[in-house]
Amino acid sequence: MISAADIFCLAVTAGLMFLEAHRGIIPALITFIGILVGLVATRIAYVPLSEQMRPSDAYMLLMLVTILLIALVSVIVTRRLKINVTEVEAAIGALLGLGTGLLFSYALFEWLSIRYGAGTPLVKSSLLYWAISESAGLREIGDFFRKLTGR
């Protein structure tokens, strides 16, 4: 069953794919690496911060700060690099946007699990949560990327 969180994540991922295809490889790579590093840093730092506030609030605060910093750096880089994006660069940017969307979806479902618990219908009935959190889902995503790159 598809939950409201799935629809939101798919919309964000489609928007990120479109945006990164338009901006090209370098800003898309900055966004992808920034979200990846930010997600790891958030997972490490939210536990000590949760002593001062609720764990879900600490996680969301750190993720929002990460997203805002990445957006700021990405906008600055995009404005400094005035390049024409070729079709290949747009395709690679869209793939990086897909990866960024998957990382964002993982962060959202992790926050929902912290906030409401993994048994809530919003998380439990989600197809994306299964695909992201289970090893079988990660294997399917890996197979998708392998087929996409021709390996």
Protein backbone atom coordinates (compact mmCIF):
# COMPACT_ATOMS: atom_id res chain seq x y z
CA MET A 1 0.00 0.00 0.00
CA ILE A 2 1.23 3.47 -0.78
CA SER A 3 1.20 5.92 2.11
CA ALA A 4 1.13 9.72 2.03
CA ALA A 5 4.83 9.70 2.91
CA ASP A 6 5.54 7.65 -0.24
CA ILE A 7 3.75 10.17 -2.42
CA PHE A 8 5.62 13.04 -0.77
CA CYS A 9 8.98 11.29 -1.22
CA LEU A 10 8.24 10.50 -4.87
CA ALA A 11 7.29 14.13 -5.52
CA VAL A 12 10.46 15.40 -3.84
CA THR A 13 12.58 12.86 -5.75
CA ALA A 14 11.01 13.83 -9.09
CA GLY A 15 11.60 17.49 -8.30
CA LEU A 16 15.22 16.83 -7.34
CA MET A 17 15.78 14.83 -10.53
CA PHE A 18 14.39 17.67 -12.64
CA LEU A 19 16.36 20.32 -10.72
CA GLU A 20 19.67 18.44 -10.84
CA ALA A 21 19.25 17.64 -14.54
CA HIS A 22 18.82 21.35 -15.17
CA ARG A 23 21.82 22.38 -13.03
CA GLY A 24 24.34 19.75 -14.14
CA ILE A 25 26.87 17.43 -12.57
CA ILE A 26 28.84 19.64 -10.18
CA PRO A 27 25.92 21.16 -8.23
CA ALA A 28 24.17 17.76 -8.22
CA LEU A 29 27.29 16.09 -6.84
CA ILE A 30 27.62 18.76 -4.15
CA THR A 31 23.99 18.20 -3.16
CA PHE A 32 24.33 14.41 -3.12
CA ILE A 33 27.55 14.37 -1.09
CA GLY A 34 26.20 17.06 1.23
CA ILE A 35 23.02 15.10 1.97
CA LEU A 36 25.03 11.91 2.48
CA VAL A 37 27.48 13.55 4.89
CA GLY A 38 24.66 15.46 6.58
CA LEU A 39 22.63 12.30 7.08
CA VAL A 40 25.58 10.51 8.69
CA ALA A 41 26.36 13.54 10.88
CA THR A 42 22.71 13.84 11.88
CA ARG A 43 22.52 10.19 12.89
CA ILE A 44 25.60 10.68 15.08
CA ALA A 45 24.74 14.08 16.56
CA TYR A 46 21.02 13.81 17.27
CA VAL A 47 21.46 11.40 20.18
CA PRO A 48 23.52 13.80 22.37
CA LEU A 49 21.26 16.68 21.33
CA SER A 50 18.18 14.70 22.34
CA GLU A 51 19.11 15.17 25.99
CA GLN A 52 17.99 18.81 25.62
CA MET A 53 14.91 18.18 23.44
CA ARG A 54 12.80 15.35 22.06
CA PRO A 55 14.80 12.98 19.85
CA SER A 56 12.58 13.57 16.82
CA ASP A 57 12.92 17.36 17.20
CA ALA A 58 16.71 17.04 17.48
CA TYR A 59 16.83 14.88 14.35
CA MET A 60 14.59 17.25 12.37
CA LEU A 61 16.53 20.33 13.50
CA LEU A 62 19.84 18.85 12.39
CA MET A 63 18.42 17.67 9.05
CA LEU A 64 16.86 21.06 8.34
CA VAL A 65 20.13 22.85 9.12
CA THR A 66 21.93 20.39 6.84
CA ILE A 67 19.45 20.92 4.00
CA LEU A 68 19.63 24.71 4.34
CA LEU A 69 23.45 24.70 4.31
CA ILE A 70 23.54 22.42 1.28
CA ALA A 71 20.99 24.57 -0.53
CA LEU A 72 23.03 27.71 0.20
CA VAL A 73 26.31 26.18 -0.99
CA SER A 74 24.61 24.67 -4.04
CA VAL A 75 23.03 27.99 -5.05
CA ILE A 76 26.35 29.81 -4.67
CA VAL A 77 28.16 27.21 -6.78
CA THR A 78 25.43 27.23 -9.42
CA ARG A 79 25.56 31.01 -9.76
CA ARG A 80 29.36 31.01 -10.00
CA LEU A 81 29.40 28.27 -12.65
CA LYS A 82 27.68 29.63 -15.73
CA ILE A 83 27.85 26.53 -17.92
CA ASN A 84 25.66 24.99 -20.56
CA VAL A 85 24.48 21.57 -19.50
CA THR A 86 24.77 18.88 -22.16
CA GLU A 87 22.47 15.88 -22.42
CA VAL A 88 24.98 13.56 -20.75
CA GLU A 89 25.53 16.00 -17.88
CA ALA A 90 21.77 16.34 -17.49
CA ALA A 91 21.35 12.56 -17.34
CA ILE A 92 24.10 12.19 -14.74
CA GLY A 93 22.63 15.10 -12.79
CA ALA A 94 19.21 13.42 -12.86
CA LEU A 95 20.75 10.18 -11.54
CA LEU A 96 22.42 12.11 -8.76
CA GLY A 97 19.06 13.76 -8.08
CA LEU A 98 17.53 10.29 -7.80
CA GLY A 99 20.21 9.31 -5.29
CA THR A 100 19.64 12.52 -3.35
CA GLY A 101 15.92 11.82 -3.31
CA LEU A 102 16.54 8.32 -1.96
CA LEU A 103 18.73 9.72 0.81
CA PHE A 104 16.11 12.34 1.62
CA SER A 105 13.43 9.64 1.71
CA TYR A 106 15.56 7.56 4.06
CA ALA A 107 15.98 10.56 6.36
CA LEU A 108 12.24 11.27 6.30
CA PHE A 109 11.31 7.69 7.16
CA GLU A 110 13.93 7.57 9.87
CA TRP A 111 12.44 10.75 11.37
CA LEU A 112 8.93 9.30 11.11
CA SER A 113 10.13 6.14 12.87
CA ILE A 114 11.73 8.18 15.65
CA ARG A 115 8.71 10.46 15.99
CA TYR A 116 5.80 8.03 15.70
CA GLY A 117 7.40 4.60 15.92
CA ALA A 118 7.96 2.02 13.20
CA GLY A 119 4.52 0.49 13.77
CA THR A 120 2.52 3.56 12.77
CA PRO A 121 0.44 3.09 9.59
CA LEU A 122 2.27 5.95 7.89
CA VAL A 123 5.52 3.97 8.11
CA LYS A 124 4.26 0.41 8.27
CA SER A 125 2.16 0.60 5.10
CA SER A 126 4.84 2.39 3.10
CA LEU A 127 6.40 0.68 0.11
CA LEU A 128 9.38 3.03 0.03
CA TYR A 129 10.18 2.39 3.67
CA TRP A 130 10.39 -1.31 2.95
CA ALA A 131 12.56 -0.73 -0.13
CA ILE A 132 14.92 1.61 1.72
CA SER A 133 15.18 -0.15 5.08
CA GLU A 134 15.28 -3.82 4.06
CA SER A 135 18.32 -5.42 2.47
CA ALA A 136 16.13 -6.86 -0.30
CA GLY A 137 15.00 -3.36 -1.19
CA LEU A 138 18.56 -2.07 -1.23
CA ARG A 139 19.52 -4.97 -3.49
CA GLU A 140 16.71 -3.99 -5.88
CA ILE A 141 17.90 -0.37 -5.93
CA GLY A 142 21.45 -1.59 -6.58
CA ASP A 143 20.23 -3.79 -9.45
CA PHE A 144 18.37 -0.80 -10.87
CA PHE A 145 21.53 1.32 -10.88
CA ARG A 146 23.57 -1.55 -12.38
CA LYS A 147 21.08 -1.97 -15.22
CA LEU A 148 20.98 1.76 -15.72
CA THR A 149 24.76 2.01 -16.05
CA GLY A 150 24.99 -1.13 -18.22
CA ARG A 151 26.99 -3.30 -15.84
